[in-house]
């Protein structure tokens, strides 16, 4: 069902944002929840419910869960956010954290490196990354930042943000009537200007001849 709904949304240019990825077992105290499970259990349970939306539905957005995978926040869990989601499932879209404003347990640079593209409700993270790059000149982190930007551009380019286009849209090249009208007006004004200039020169020359003759 998730795969079918996601595919239908994406076909109309609406980026489906799947959440909460992944192992979001409960809402109560979810900020401090640590989910422990073997890889087999994760693949057969937690991940299985999301897989179709990404591999068949082609989702281009996902909000990650607030809980931890083991002792590591989901946003820093590279094995899941990058290894499974991007490398195995071929996800090319945007990953966003849950609301993390003011959360000291969420470390900006490690999250970025692990595969978190943007931070929900926390605009100060971009300044933090910039300061880190200026201070440390870390080429790898800069590369990850570029990948995050690429994810945004890819998702936007495959949505109806691009002039409302969808997969069913046929693009045809044409020139609207008003452009031809403007070109005609420009040409007419140009000819009129040239004519006026010629008449001005002729008039000035005649006046000069009459002055000399008189």
N, C-alpha and C. Protein backbone atom coordinates (compact mmCIF):
# COMPACT_ATOMS: atom_id res chain seq x y z
N UNK A 1 0.83 -1.20 0.00
CA UNK A 1 0.00 0.00 0.00
C UNK A 1 0.87 1.26 0.00
N UNK A 2 1.90 1.24 0.82
CA UNK A 2 2.81 2.39 0.89
C UNK A 2 3.51 2.63 -0.43
N UNK A 3 3.91 1.54 -1.10
CA UNK A 3 4.58 1.66 -2.39
C UNK A 3 3.66 2.25 -3.44
N UNK A 4 2.40 1.78 -3.47
CA UNK A 4 1.43 2.25 -4.47
C UNK A 4 1.09 3.72 -4.25
N UNK A 5 0.86 4.09 -3.01
CA UNK A 5 0.51 5.49 -2.71
C UNK A 5 1.67 6.41 -3.02
N UNK A 6 2.87 6.00 -2.66
CA UNK A 6 4.06 6.81 -2.91
C UNK A 6 4.28 6.99 -4.40
N UNK A 7 4.16 5.91 -5.17
CA UNK A 7 4.35 5.97 -6.61
C UNK A 7 3.34 6.91 -7.26
N UNK A 8 2.08 6.87 -6.79
CA UNK A 8 1.05 7.74 -7.33
C UNK A 8 1.35 9.21 -7.05
N UNK A 9 1.84 9.50 -5.84
CA UNK A 9 2.19 10.87 -5.50
C UNK A 9 3.36 11.37 -6.33
N UNK A 10 4.39 10.55 -6.43
CA UNK A 10 5.58 10.95 -7.17
C UNK A 10 5.27 11.14 -8.66
N UNK A 11 4.35 10.34 -9.19
CA UNK A 11 3.99 10.46 -10.60
C UNK A 11 3.34 11.81 -10.91
N UNK A 12 2.70 12.39 -9.90
CA UNK A 12 2.05 13.70 -10.07
C UNK A 12 2.97 14.84 -9.64
N UNK A 13 4.22 14.52 -9.36
CA UNK A 13 5.16 15.57 -9.01
C UNK A 13 5.14 15.99 -7.55
N UNK A 14 4.49 15.18 -6.71
CA UNK A 14 4.44 15.47 -5.27
C UNK A 14 5.43 14.56 -4.55
N UNK A 15 6.45 15.12 -3.96
CA UNK A 15 7.44 14.31 -3.27
C UNK A 15 6.86 13.73 -1.98
N UNK A 16 6.84 12.42 -1.91
CA UNK A 16 6.30 11.73 -0.73
C UNK A 16 7.36 11.70 0.37
N UNK A 17 7.01 12.20 1.54
CA UNK A 17 7.93 12.22 2.68
C UNK A 17 7.53 11.10 3.65
N UNK A 18 8.26 10.02 3.63
CA UNK A 18 7.96 8.86 4.46
C UNK A 18 8.53 9.06 5.86
N UNK A 19 7.70 8.81 6.88
CA UNK A 19 8.21 8.94 8.23
C UNK A 19 7.47 7.97 9.17
N UNK A 20 8.07 7.70 10.33
CA UNK A 20 9.39 8.12 10.78
C UNK A 20 10.36 6.97 10.57
N UNK A 21 11.41 7.23 9.85
CA UNK A 21 12.37 6.22 9.46
C UNK A 21 13.53 6.22 10.47
N UNK A 22 13.78 5.21 11.27
CA UNK A 22 13.13 3.92 11.30
C UNK A 22 13.15 3.45 12.77
N UNK A 23 12.42 2.40 13.12
CA UNK A 23 12.37 1.84 14.48
C UNK A 23 11.74 2.80 15.48
N UNK A 24 10.75 3.55 15.02
CA UNK A 24 10.03 4.47 15.89
C UNK A 24 8.94 3.69 16.64
N UNK A 25 9.34 2.99 17.71
CA UNK A 25 8.45 2.06 18.40
C UNK A 25 7.36 2.72 19.23
N UNK A 26 7.62 3.91 19.73
CA UNK A 26 6.66 4.54 20.64
C UNK A 26 6.82 6.04 20.60
N UNK A 27 5.77 6.75 21.01
CA UNK A 27 5.80 8.21 21.06
C UNK A 27 6.22 8.70 22.44
N UNK A 28 5.87 7.96 23.49
CA UNK A 28 6.21 8.36 24.85
C UNK A 28 7.72 8.27 25.07
N UNK A 29 8.30 9.38 25.50
CA UNK A 29 9.74 9.44 25.78
C UNK A 29 10.58 9.02 24.57
N UNK A 30 10.10 9.31 23.38
CA UNK A 30 10.80 8.86 22.17
C UNK A 30 12.16 9.51 22.01
N UNK A 31 12.36 10.70 22.60
CA UNK A 31 13.65 11.38 22.47
C UNK A 31 14.76 10.60 23.17
N UNK A 32 14.41 9.83 24.17
CA UNK A 32 15.43 9.08 24.89
C UNK A 32 15.36 7.59 24.65
N UNK A 33 14.52 7.17 23.70
CA UNK A 33 14.33 5.75 23.44
C UNK A 33 15.53 5.16 22.69
N UNK A 34 16.03 4.03 23.17
CA UNK A 34 17.11 3.31 22.49
C UNK A 34 16.55 1.97 22.01
N UNK A 35 16.55 1.77 20.70
CA UNK A 35 16.03 0.55 20.12
C UNK A 35 17.17 -0.41 19.84
N UNK A 36 17.19 -1.55 20.54
CA UNK A 36 18.22 -2.55 20.34
C UNK A 36 17.63 -3.73 19.57
N UNK A 37 18.31 -4.14 18.52
CA UNK A 37 17.83 -5.28 17.73
C UNK A 37 18.95 -5.80 16.85
N UNK A 38 18.92 -7.07 16.54
CA UNK A 38 19.88 -7.64 15.61
C UNK A 38 19.54 -7.19 14.19
N UNK A 39 20.50 -7.31 13.31
CA UNK A 39 20.28 -6.89 11.92
C UNK A 39 19.12 -7.65 11.29
N UNK A 40 19.02 -8.94 11.57
CA UNK A 40 17.94 -9.74 11.00
C UNK A 40 16.58 -9.21 11.44
N UNK A 41 16.46 -8.89 12.72
CA UNK A 41 15.19 -8.36 13.23
C UNK A 41 14.87 -7.01 12.59
N UNK A 42 15.88 -6.19 12.40
CA UNK A 42 15.67 -4.88 11.76
C UNK A 42 15.17 -5.03 10.33
N UNK A 43 15.80 -5.94 9.60
CA UNK A 43 15.44 -6.12 8.19
C UNK A 43 14.07 -6.77 8.03
N UNK A 44 13.72 -7.66 8.92
CA UNK A 44 12.45 -8.37 8.80
C UNK A 44 11.28 -7.61 9.41
N UNK A 45 11.58 -6.62 10.24
CA UNK A 45 10.51 -5.88 10.92
C UNK A 45 10.56 -4.39 10.63
N UNK A 46 11.48 -3.69 11.27
CA UNK A 46 11.51 -2.22 11.17
C UNK A 46 11.69 -1.73 9.74
N UNK A 47 12.65 -2.28 9.03
CA UNK A 47 12.96 -1.80 7.69
C UNK A 47 11.96 -2.27 6.64
N UNK A 48 11.38 -3.44 6.88
CA UNK A 48 10.49 -4.04 5.87
C UNK A 48 9.29 -3.15 5.57
N UNK A 49 8.79 -2.48 6.56
CA UNK A 49 7.62 -1.64 6.36
C UNK A 49 7.90 -0.40 5.52
N UNK A 50 9.17 -0.03 5.38
CA UNK A 50 9.53 1.16 4.62
C UNK A 50 10.06 0.84 3.23
N UNK A 51 10.57 -0.34 3.05
CA UNK A 51 11.32 -0.68 1.84
C UNK A 51 10.55 -0.41 0.55
N UNK A 52 9.30 -0.85 0.49
CA UNK A 52 8.53 -0.70 -0.74
C UNK A 52 8.33 0.75 -1.16
N UNK A 53 8.13 1.63 -0.20
CA UNK A 53 7.91 3.04 -0.51
C UNK A 53 9.12 3.66 -1.20
N UNK A 54 10.31 3.15 -0.88
CA UNK A 54 11.53 3.68 -1.48
C UNK A 54 11.92 2.94 -2.76
N UNK A 55 11.92 1.60 -2.71
CA UNK A 55 12.41 0.82 -3.85
C UNK A 55 11.39 0.73 -4.98
N UNK A 56 10.09 0.69 -4.67
CA UNK A 56 9.05 0.60 -5.69
C UNK A 56 8.31 1.92 -5.88
N UNK A 57 8.06 2.61 -4.78
CA UNK A 57 7.32 3.86 -4.87
C UNK A 57 8.16 5.03 -5.31
N UNK A 58 9.49 4.96 -5.11
CA UNK A 58 10.38 6.04 -5.54
C UNK A 58 10.28 7.29 -4.70
N UNK A 59 10.04 7.15 -3.39
CA UNK A 59 9.95 8.31 -2.50
C UNK A 59 11.23 9.14 -2.57
N UNK A 60 11.07 10.46 -2.53
CA UNK A 60 12.23 11.35 -2.61
C UNK A 60 12.40 12.21 -1.36
N UNK A 61 11.68 11.86 -0.31
CA UNK A 61 11.83 12.55 0.98
C UNK A 61 11.58 11.55 2.10
N UNK A 62 12.23 11.78 3.22
CA UNK A 62 11.91 10.99 4.40
C UNK A 62 12.32 11.74 5.66
N UNK A 63 11.44 11.71 6.65
CA UNK A 63 11.79 12.25 7.96
C UNK A 63 12.20 11.09 8.85
N UNK A 64 13.34 11.24 9.47
CA UNK A 64 13.88 10.17 10.30
C UNK A 64 13.29 10.21 11.70
N UNK A 65 13.45 9.12 12.41
CA UNK A 65 12.84 8.98 13.74
C UNK A 65 13.70 9.64 14.81
N UNK A 66 13.05 9.95 15.93
CA UNK A 66 13.71 10.66 17.02
C UNK A 66 14.50 9.70 17.91
N UNK A 67 14.17 8.44 17.84
CA UNK A 67 14.81 7.47 18.75
C UNK A 67 16.23 7.16 18.32
N UNK A 68 16.90 6.37 19.14
CA UNK A 68 18.25 5.93 18.84
C UNK A 68 18.24 4.51 18.30
N UNK A 69 19.21 4.21 17.47
CA UNK A 69 19.45 2.84 17.03
C UNK A 69 20.61 2.34 17.87
N UNK A 70 20.31 1.51 18.82
CA UNK A 70 21.32 1.19 19.84
C UNK A 70 21.53 2.42 20.70
N UNK A 71 22.76 2.89 20.78
CA UNK A 71 23.06 4.10 21.56
C UNK A 71 23.29 5.31 20.68
N UNK A 72 23.07 5.14 19.38
CA UNK A 72 23.36 6.19 18.41
C UNK A 72 22.06 6.77 17.87
N UNK A 73 21.96 8.10 17.81
CA UNK A 73 20.75 8.70 17.24
C UNK A 73 20.58 8.23 15.80
N UNK A 74 19.34 8.12 15.38
CA UNK A 74 19.06 7.67 14.02
C UNK A 74 19.78 8.55 13.01
N UNK A 75 19.89 9.84 13.31
CA UNK A 75 20.50 10.79 12.39
C UNK A 75 21.99 10.54 12.20
N UNK A 76 22.61 9.85 13.16
CA UNK A 76 24.04 9.54 13.07
C UNK A 76 24.30 8.09 12.69
N UNK A 77 23.26 7.36 12.40
CA UNK A 77 23.41 5.94 12.10
C UNK A 77 23.66 5.75 10.61
N UNK A 78 24.91 5.79 10.21
CA UNK A 78 25.28 5.71 8.80
C UNK A 78 24.90 4.37 8.17
N UNK A 79 24.91 3.30 8.97
CA UNK A 79 24.57 1.98 8.44
C UNK A 79 23.15 1.96 7.89
N UNK A 80 22.27 2.71 8.53
CA UNK A 80 20.88 2.75 8.08
C UNK A 80 20.62 3.91 7.12
N UNK A 81 21.03 5.12 7.53
CA UNK A 81 20.73 6.32 6.76
C UNK A 81 21.44 6.36 5.41
N UNK A 82 22.60 5.72 5.34
CA UNK A 82 23.35 5.69 4.08
C UNK A 82 23.46 4.27 3.53
N UNK A 83 23.91 3.33 4.36
CA UNK A 83 24.13 1.97 3.90
C UNK A 83 22.89 1.31 3.34
N UNK A 84 21.80 1.32 4.11
CA UNK A 84 20.56 0.68 3.65
C UNK A 84 19.78 1.60 2.72
N UNK A 85 19.50 2.80 3.19
CA UNK A 85 18.60 3.70 2.47
C UNK A 85 19.14 4.11 1.10
N UNK A 86 20.37 4.56 1.06
CA UNK A 86 20.92 5.08 -0.20
C UNK A 86 21.62 4.00 -1.03
N UNK A 87 22.50 3.25 -0.39
CA UNK A 87 23.32 2.31 -1.15
C UNK A 87 22.55 1.05 -1.56
N UNK A 88 21.71 0.51 -0.67
CA UNK A 88 20.94 -0.70 -0.99
C UNK A 88 19.63 -0.38 -1.71
N UNK A 89 18.90 0.60 -1.22
CA UNK A 89 17.58 0.90 -1.77
C UNK A 89 17.62 1.95 -2.88
N UNK A 90 18.75 2.59 -3.08
CA UNK A 90 18.88 3.55 -4.17
C UNK A 90 18.18 4.88 -3.95
N UNK A 91 17.96 5.25 -2.71
CA UNK A 91 17.30 6.52 -2.40
C UNK A 91 18.18 7.69 -2.82
N UNK A 92 17.59 8.66 -3.54
CA UNK A 92 18.35 9.83 -4.02
C UNK A 92 17.79 11.15 -3.51
N UNK A 93 16.83 11.06 -2.61
CA UNK A 93 16.17 12.27 -2.15
C UNK A 93 16.74 12.86 -0.87
N UNK A 94 15.88 13.55 -0.14
CA UNK A 94 16.28 14.33 1.04
C UNK A 94 15.91 13.61 2.33
N UNK A 95 16.86 13.53 3.23
CA UNK A 95 16.59 13.04 4.58
C UNK A 95 16.55 14.23 5.53
N UNK A 96 15.54 14.27 6.38
CA UNK A 96 15.40 15.36 7.33
C UNK A 96 15.19 14.78 8.72
N UNK A 97 15.77 15.41 9.70
CA UNK A 97 15.60 14.96 11.08
C UNK A 97 14.21 15.33 11.57
N UNK A 98 13.84 14.78 12.70
CA UNK A 98 12.65 15.26 13.38
C UNK A 98 13.02 16.60 14.03
N UNK A 99 12.10 17.22 14.73
CA UNK A 99 12.37 18.52 15.33
C UNK A 99 13.49 18.41 16.38
N UNK A 100 14.63 19.02 16.09
CA UNK A 100 15.80 18.87 16.97
C UNK A 100 16.31 20.21 17.50
N UNK A 101 15.50 21.25 17.41
CA UNK A 101 15.95 22.57 17.84
C UNK A 101 16.40 22.56 19.29
N UNK A 102 17.63 22.97 19.51
CA UNK A 102 18.17 23.06 20.86
C UNK A 102 18.60 21.74 21.46
N UNK A 103 18.52 20.65 20.69
CA UNK A 103 18.89 19.34 21.22
C UNK A 103 20.41 19.17 21.24
N UNK A 104 20.97 19.05 22.42
CA UNK A 104 22.42 18.90 22.56
C UNK A 104 22.88 17.47 22.28
N UNK A 105 21.92 16.55 22.19
CA UNK A 105 22.28 15.16 21.92
C UNK A 105 22.47 14.89 20.43
N UNK A 106 22.08 15.86 19.61
CA UNK A 106 22.20 15.72 18.16
C UNK A 106 23.40 16.52 17.69
N UNK A 107 24.43 15.83 17.23
CA UNK A 107 25.68 16.46 16.82
C UNK A 107 25.66 16.71 15.32
N UNK A 108 25.77 17.96 14.95
CA UNK A 108 25.54 18.39 13.57
C UNK A 108 26.43 17.70 12.55
N UNK A 109 27.73 17.81 12.70
CA UNK A 109 28.66 17.28 11.70
C UNK A 109 28.57 15.76 11.58
N UNK A 110 28.57 15.00 12.69
CA UNK A 110 28.40 13.55 12.57
C UNK A 110 27.10 13.15 11.88
N UNK A 111 26.03 13.91 12.11
CA UNK A 111 24.76 13.61 11.44
C UNK A 111 24.87 13.84 9.94
N UNK A 112 25.50 14.93 9.56
CA UNK A 112 25.70 15.24 8.15
C UNK A 112 26.51 14.15 7.46
N UNK A 113 27.57 13.73 8.11
CA UNK A 113 28.44 12.70 7.55
C UNK A 113 27.71 11.37 7.42
N UNK A 114 26.82 11.08 8.37
CA UNK A 114 26.10 9.80 8.37
C UNK A 114 25.00 9.74 7.31
N UNK A 115 24.56 10.91 6.81
CA UNK A 115 23.54 10.90 5.77
C UNK A 115 22.32 11.75 6.06
N UNK A 116 22.37 12.59 7.09
CA UNK A 116 21.26 13.50 7.38
C UNK A 116 21.46 14.79 6.60
N UNK A 117 20.52 15.13 5.73
CA UNK A 117 20.71 16.28 4.84
C UNK A 117 20.33 17.62 5.47
N UNK A 118 19.29 17.62 6.30
CA UNK A 118 18.87 18.88 6.88
C UNK A 118 18.25 18.64 8.25
N UNK A 119 18.17 19.70 9.04
CA UNK A 119 17.73 19.60 10.43
C UNK A 119 16.42 20.36 10.62
N UNK A 120 15.40 19.63 11.01
CA UNK A 120 14.07 20.20 11.16
C UNK A 120 14.00 21.17 12.33
N UNK A 121 13.43 22.35 12.06
CA UNK A 121 13.19 23.38 13.10
C UNK A 121 14.47 23.82 13.79
N UNK A 122 15.57 23.85 13.04
CA UNK A 122 16.85 24.25 13.66
C UNK A 122 17.73 24.91 12.60
N UNK A 123 17.51 26.19 12.35
CA UNK A 123 18.25 26.90 11.31
C UNK A 123 19.69 27.20 11.70
N UNK A 124 20.03 27.05 12.98
CA UNK A 124 21.38 27.35 13.42
C UNK A 124 22.42 26.33 13.01
N UNK A 125 21.97 25.17 12.53
CA UNK A 125 22.91 24.10 12.16
C UNK A 125 23.79 24.50 10.97
N UNK A 126 23.25 25.26 10.03
CA UNK A 126 24.03 25.65 8.86
C UNK A 126 25.21 26.52 9.26
N UNK A 127 24.99 27.42 10.22
CA UNK A 127 26.09 28.26 10.72
C UNK A 127 27.14 27.42 11.40
N UNK A 128 26.69 26.40 12.12
CA UNK A 128 27.62 25.51 12.81
C UNK A 128 28.51 24.76 11.82
N UNK A 129 27.91 24.28 10.75
CA UNK A 129 28.69 23.57 9.72
C UNK A 129 29.68 24.51 9.05
N UNK A 130 29.25 25.73 8.76
CA UNK A 130 30.13 26.71 8.13
C UNK A 130 31.34 27.02 9.01
N UNK A 131 31.09 27.22 10.29
CA UNK A 131 32.19 27.51 11.22
C UNK A 131 33.15 26.33 11.29
N UNK A 132 32.61 25.13 11.29
CA UNK A 132 33.44 23.93 11.35
C UNK A 132 34.34 23.84 10.11
N UNK A 133 33.77 24.10 8.94
CA UNK A 133 34.53 24.00 7.71
C UNK A 133 35.62 25.06 7.63
N UNK A 134 35.31 26.28 8.07
CA UNK A 134 36.29 27.36 8.06
C UNK A 134 37.45 27.05 9.01
N UNK A 135 37.12 26.50 10.15
CA UNK A 135 38.14 26.21 11.16
C UNK A 135 38.97 24.99 10.81
N UNK A 136 38.34 23.93 10.36
CA UNK A 136 39.03 22.65 10.17
C UNK A 136 39.43 22.34 8.72
N UNK A 137 38.81 23.06 7.78
CA UNK A 137 39.09 22.82 6.36
C UNK A 137 39.00 21.32 6.03
N UNK A 138 37.90 20.73 6.48
CA UNK A 138 37.67 19.30 6.32
C UNK A 138 37.02 19.02 4.97
N UNK A 139 37.81 18.50 4.03
CA UNK A 139 37.31 18.25 2.69
C UNK A 139 36.23 17.19 2.64
N UNK A 140 36.30 16.21 3.51
CA UNK A 140 35.30 15.14 3.50
C UNK A 140 33.94 15.67 3.93
N UNK A 141 33.90 16.49 4.96
CA UNK A 141 32.64 17.07 5.42
C UNK A 141 32.08 18.00 4.34
N UNK A 142 32.95 18.74 3.67
CA UNK A 142 32.51 19.60 2.58
C UNK A 142 31.88 18.77 1.46
N UNK A 143 32.48 17.62 1.19
CA UNK A 143 31.92 16.72 0.18
C UNK A 143 30.54 16.23 0.58
N UNK A 144 30.37 15.89 1.86
CA UNK A 144 29.06 15.44 2.33
C UNK A 144 28.02 16.55 2.25
N UNK A 145 28.48 17.77 2.51
CA UNK A 145 27.58 18.92 2.40
C UNK A 145 27.12 19.11 0.96
N UNK A 146 28.02 18.90 0.03
CA UNK A 146 27.66 19.00 -1.39
C UNK A 146 26.66 17.91 -1.78
N UNK A 147 26.86 16.71 -1.24
CA UNK A 147 25.93 15.62 -1.51
C UNK A 147 24.54 15.95 -0.98
N UNK A 148 24.51 16.58 0.20
CA UNK A 148 23.22 16.98 0.79
C UNK A 148 22.51 17.98 -0.12
N UNK A 149 23.27 18.93 -0.65
CA UNK A 149 22.69 19.91 -1.57
C UNK A 149 22.20 19.24 -2.85
N UNK A 150 22.99 18.30 -3.34
CA UNK A 150 22.60 17.57 -4.55
C UNK A 150 21.28 16.83 -4.33
N UNK A 151 21.10 16.27 -3.14
CA UNK A 151 19.86 15.57 -2.84
C UNK A 151 18.66 16.50 -2.94
N UNK A 152 18.82 17.72 -2.42
CA UNK A 152 17.74 18.71 -2.51
C UNK A 152 17.42 19.05 -3.96
N UNK A 153 18.47 19.32 -4.73
CA UNK A 153 18.26 19.72 -6.13
C UNK A 153 17.61 18.59 -6.92
N UNK A 154 18.04 17.36 -6.65
CA UNK A 154 17.47 16.22 -7.37
C UNK A 154 15.99 16.06 -7.05
N UNK A 155 15.66 16.16 -5.75
CA UNK A 155 14.26 16.02 -5.34
C UNK A 155 13.40 17.12 -5.94
N UNK A 156 13.90 18.34 -5.93
CA UNK A 156 13.14 19.46 -6.48
C UNK A 156 12.97 19.33 -7.99
N UNK A 157 14.04 18.90 -8.66
CA UNK A 157 13.98 18.77 -10.12
C UNK A 157 13.00 17.70 -10.56
N UNK A 158 12.72 16.74 -9.67
CA UNK A 158 11.79 15.67 -9.98
C UNK A 158 10.43 15.88 -9.31
N UNK A 159 10.10 17.14 -9.05
CA UNK A 159 8.81 17.46 -8.46
C UNK A 159 8.10 18.50 -9.32
N UNK A 160 6.86 18.83 -8.96
CA UNK A 160 6.13 19.83 -9.73
C UNK A 160 6.56 21.25 -9.38
N UNK A 161 7.62 21.40 -8.58
CA UNK A 161 8.20 22.73 -8.37
C UNK A 161 8.78 23.26 -9.67
N UNK A 162 9.17 22.37 -10.55
CA UNK A 162 9.73 22.76 -11.84
C UNK A 162 8.57 23.08 -12.80
N UNK A 163 8.06 24.29 -12.70
CA UNK A 163 6.99 24.77 -13.59
C UNK A 163 5.75 23.89 -13.58
N UNK A 164 5.51 23.20 -12.47
CA UNK A 164 4.32 22.37 -12.38
C UNK A 164 4.37 21.12 -13.25
N UNK A 165 5.55 20.68 -13.64
CA UNK A 165 5.66 19.54 -14.54
C UNK A 165 5.45 18.22 -13.80
N UNK A 166 4.88 17.26 -14.48
CA UNK A 166 4.76 15.89 -13.98
C UNK A 166 5.25 14.95 -15.08
N UNK A 167 5.23 13.66 -14.80
CA UNK A 167 5.68 12.69 -15.80
C UNK A 167 4.77 12.64 -17.02
N UNK A 168 3.56 13.14 -16.87
CA UNK A 168 2.60 13.10 -17.97
C UNK A 168 2.66 14.37 -18.82
N UNK A 169 3.47 15.33 -18.42
CA UNK A 169 3.54 16.60 -19.13
C UNK A 169 4.37 16.47 -20.40
N UNK A 170 3.83 16.96 -21.52
CA UNK A 170 4.57 17.00 -22.78
C UNK A 170 5.09 18.42 -23.00
N UNK A 171 6.37 18.58 -23.14
CA UNK A 171 6.99 19.89 -23.30
C UNK A 171 7.12 20.22 -24.78
N UNK A 172 6.53 21.33 -25.22
CA UNK A 172 6.60 21.77 -26.61
C UNK A 172 7.19 23.16 -26.67
N UNK A 173 8.05 23.37 -27.66
CA UNK A 173 8.69 24.66 -27.84
C UNK A 173 7.79 25.56 -28.68
N UNK A 174 7.49 26.76 -28.23
CA UNK A 174 6.68 27.70 -29.01
C UNK A 174 7.02 29.12 -28.57
N UNK A 175 6.67 30.06 -29.42
CA UNK A 175 6.89 31.48 -29.13
C UNK A 175 5.53 32.14 -28.92
N UNK A 176 5.24 32.67 -27.73
CA UNK A 176 3.94 33.30 -27.48
C UNK A 176 3.74 34.54 -28.35
N UNK A 177 2.51 34.88 -28.62
CA UNK A 177 2.19 35.98 -29.54
C UNK A 177 2.76 37.31 -29.08
N UNK A 178 2.80 37.51 -27.75
CA UNK A 178 3.23 38.82 -27.26
C UNK A 178 4.72 39.06 -27.49
N UNK A 179 5.50 37.97 -27.58
CA UNK A 179 6.92 38.16 -27.88
C UNK A 179 7.10 38.67 -29.30
N UNK A 180 6.34 38.08 -30.24
CA UNK A 180 6.40 38.56 -31.62
C UNK A 180 5.91 40.00 -31.72
N UNK A 181 4.87 40.33 -30.94
CA UNK A 181 4.35 41.70 -30.94
C UNK A 181 5.40 42.69 -30.44
N UNK A 182 6.10 42.30 -29.37
CA UNK A 182 7.15 43.17 -28.83
C UNK A 182 8.29 43.35 -29.83
N UNK A 183 8.64 42.26 -30.52
CA UNK A 183 9.69 42.37 -31.53
C UNK A 183 9.27 43.32 -32.65
N UNK A 184 7.99 43.23 -33.06
CA UNK A 184 7.49 44.12 -34.09
C UNK A 184 7.53 45.58 -33.66
N UNK A 185 7.14 45.82 -32.41
CA UNK A 185 7.18 47.19 -31.88
C UNK A 185 8.61 47.70 -31.82
N UNK A 186 9.53 46.85 -31.39
CA UNK A 186 10.94 47.24 -31.31
C UNK A 186 11.49 47.61 -32.69
N UNK A 187 11.14 46.79 -33.68
CA UNK A 187 11.61 47.06 -35.04
C UNK A 187 11.02 48.38 -35.55
N UNK A 188 9.71 48.57 -35.31
CA UNK A 188 9.06 49.81 -35.74
C UNK A 188 9.68 51.04 -35.11
N UNK A 189 9.93 50.96 -33.79
CA UNK A 189 10.56 52.09 -33.09
C UNK A 189 11.97 52.34 -33.60
N UNK A 190 12.67 51.23 -33.93
CA UNK A 190 14.03 51.39 -34.46
C UNK A 190 14.03 52.10 -35.79
N UNK A 191 13.10 51.70 -36.70
CA UNK A 191 12.99 52.34 -38.01
C UNK A 191 12.60 53.81 -37.86
N UNK A 192 11.64 54.08 -36.96
CA UNK A 192 11.20 55.46 -36.74
C UNK A 192 12.34 56.32 -36.20
N UNK A 193 13.11 55.76 -35.28
CA UNK A 193 14.24 56.50 -34.71
C UNK A 193 15.27 56.82 -35.79
N UNK A 194 15.55 55.82 -36.64
CA UNK A 194 16.52 56.04 -37.72
C UNK A 194 16.01 57.11 -38.69
N UNK A 195 14.71 57.06 -39.03
CA UNK A 195 14.12 58.06 -39.93
C UNK A 195 14.22 59.45 -39.34
N UNK A 196 13.91 59.56 -38.05
CA UNK A 196 13.99 60.87 -37.38
C UNK A 196 15.41 61.40 -37.38
N UNK A 197 16.37 60.51 -37.17
CA UNK A 197 17.77 60.93 -37.16
C UNK A 197 18.20 61.45 -38.52
N UNK A 198 17.77 60.73 -39.58
CA UNK A 198 18.10 61.17 -40.95
C UNK A 198 17.47 62.53 -41.25
N UNK A 199 16.19 62.69 -40.89
CA UNK A 199 15.50 63.96 -41.13
C UNK A 199 16.14 65.09 -40.34
N UNK A 200 16.61 64.79 -39.15
CA UNK A 200 17.28 65.83 -38.35
C UNK A 200 18.56 66.29 -39.03
N UNK A 201 19.32 65.32 -39.55
CA UNK A 201 20.57 65.67 -40.22
C UNK A 201 20.30 66.49 -41.48
N UNK A 202 19.28 66.06 -42.25
CA UNK A 202 18.92 66.79 -43.48
C UNK A 202 18.47 68.20 -43.15
N UNK A 203 17.61 68.33 -42.12
CA UNK A 203 17.12 69.64 -41.71
C UNK A 203 18.26 70.54 -41.26
N UNK A 204 19.18 69.99 -40.51
CA UNK A 204 20.32 70.78 -40.04
C UNK A 204 21.19 71.21 -41.21
N UNK A 205 21.35 70.33 -42.19
CA UNK A 205 22.17 70.67 -43.36
C UNK A 205 21.53 71.78 -44.18
N UNK A 206 20.21 71.73 -44.36
CA UNK A 206 19.50 72.77 -45.11
C UNK A 206 19.61 74.13 -44.41
N UNK A 207 19.47 74.13 -43.10
CA UNK A 207 19.60 75.38 -42.36
C UNK A 207 20.99 75.97 -42.52
N UNK A 208 21.98 75.09 -42.52
CA UNK A 208 23.34 75.56 -42.67
C UNK A 208 23.56 76.13 -44.06
N UNK A 209 22.98 75.47 -45.09
CA UNK A 209 23.12 75.97 -46.47
C UNK A 209 22.44 77.32 -46.64
N UNK A 210 21.24 77.48 -46.04
CA UNK A 210 20.54 78.76 -46.14
C UNK A 210 21.31 79.86 -45.42
N UNK A 211 21.95 79.49 -44.33
CA UNK A 211 22.71 80.50 -43.59
C UNK A 211 23.89 80.99 -44.42
N UNK A 212 24.56 80.05 -45.09
CA UNK A 212 25.71 80.42 -45.91
C UNK A 212 25.27 81.21 -47.15
N UNK A 213 24.13 80.82 -47.69
CA UNK A 213 23.64 81.50 -48.88
C UNK A 213 23.14 82.92 -48.57
N UNK A 214 22.64 83.10 -47.38
CA UNK A 214 22.09 84.41 -47.00
C UNK A 214 23.17 85.35 -46.59
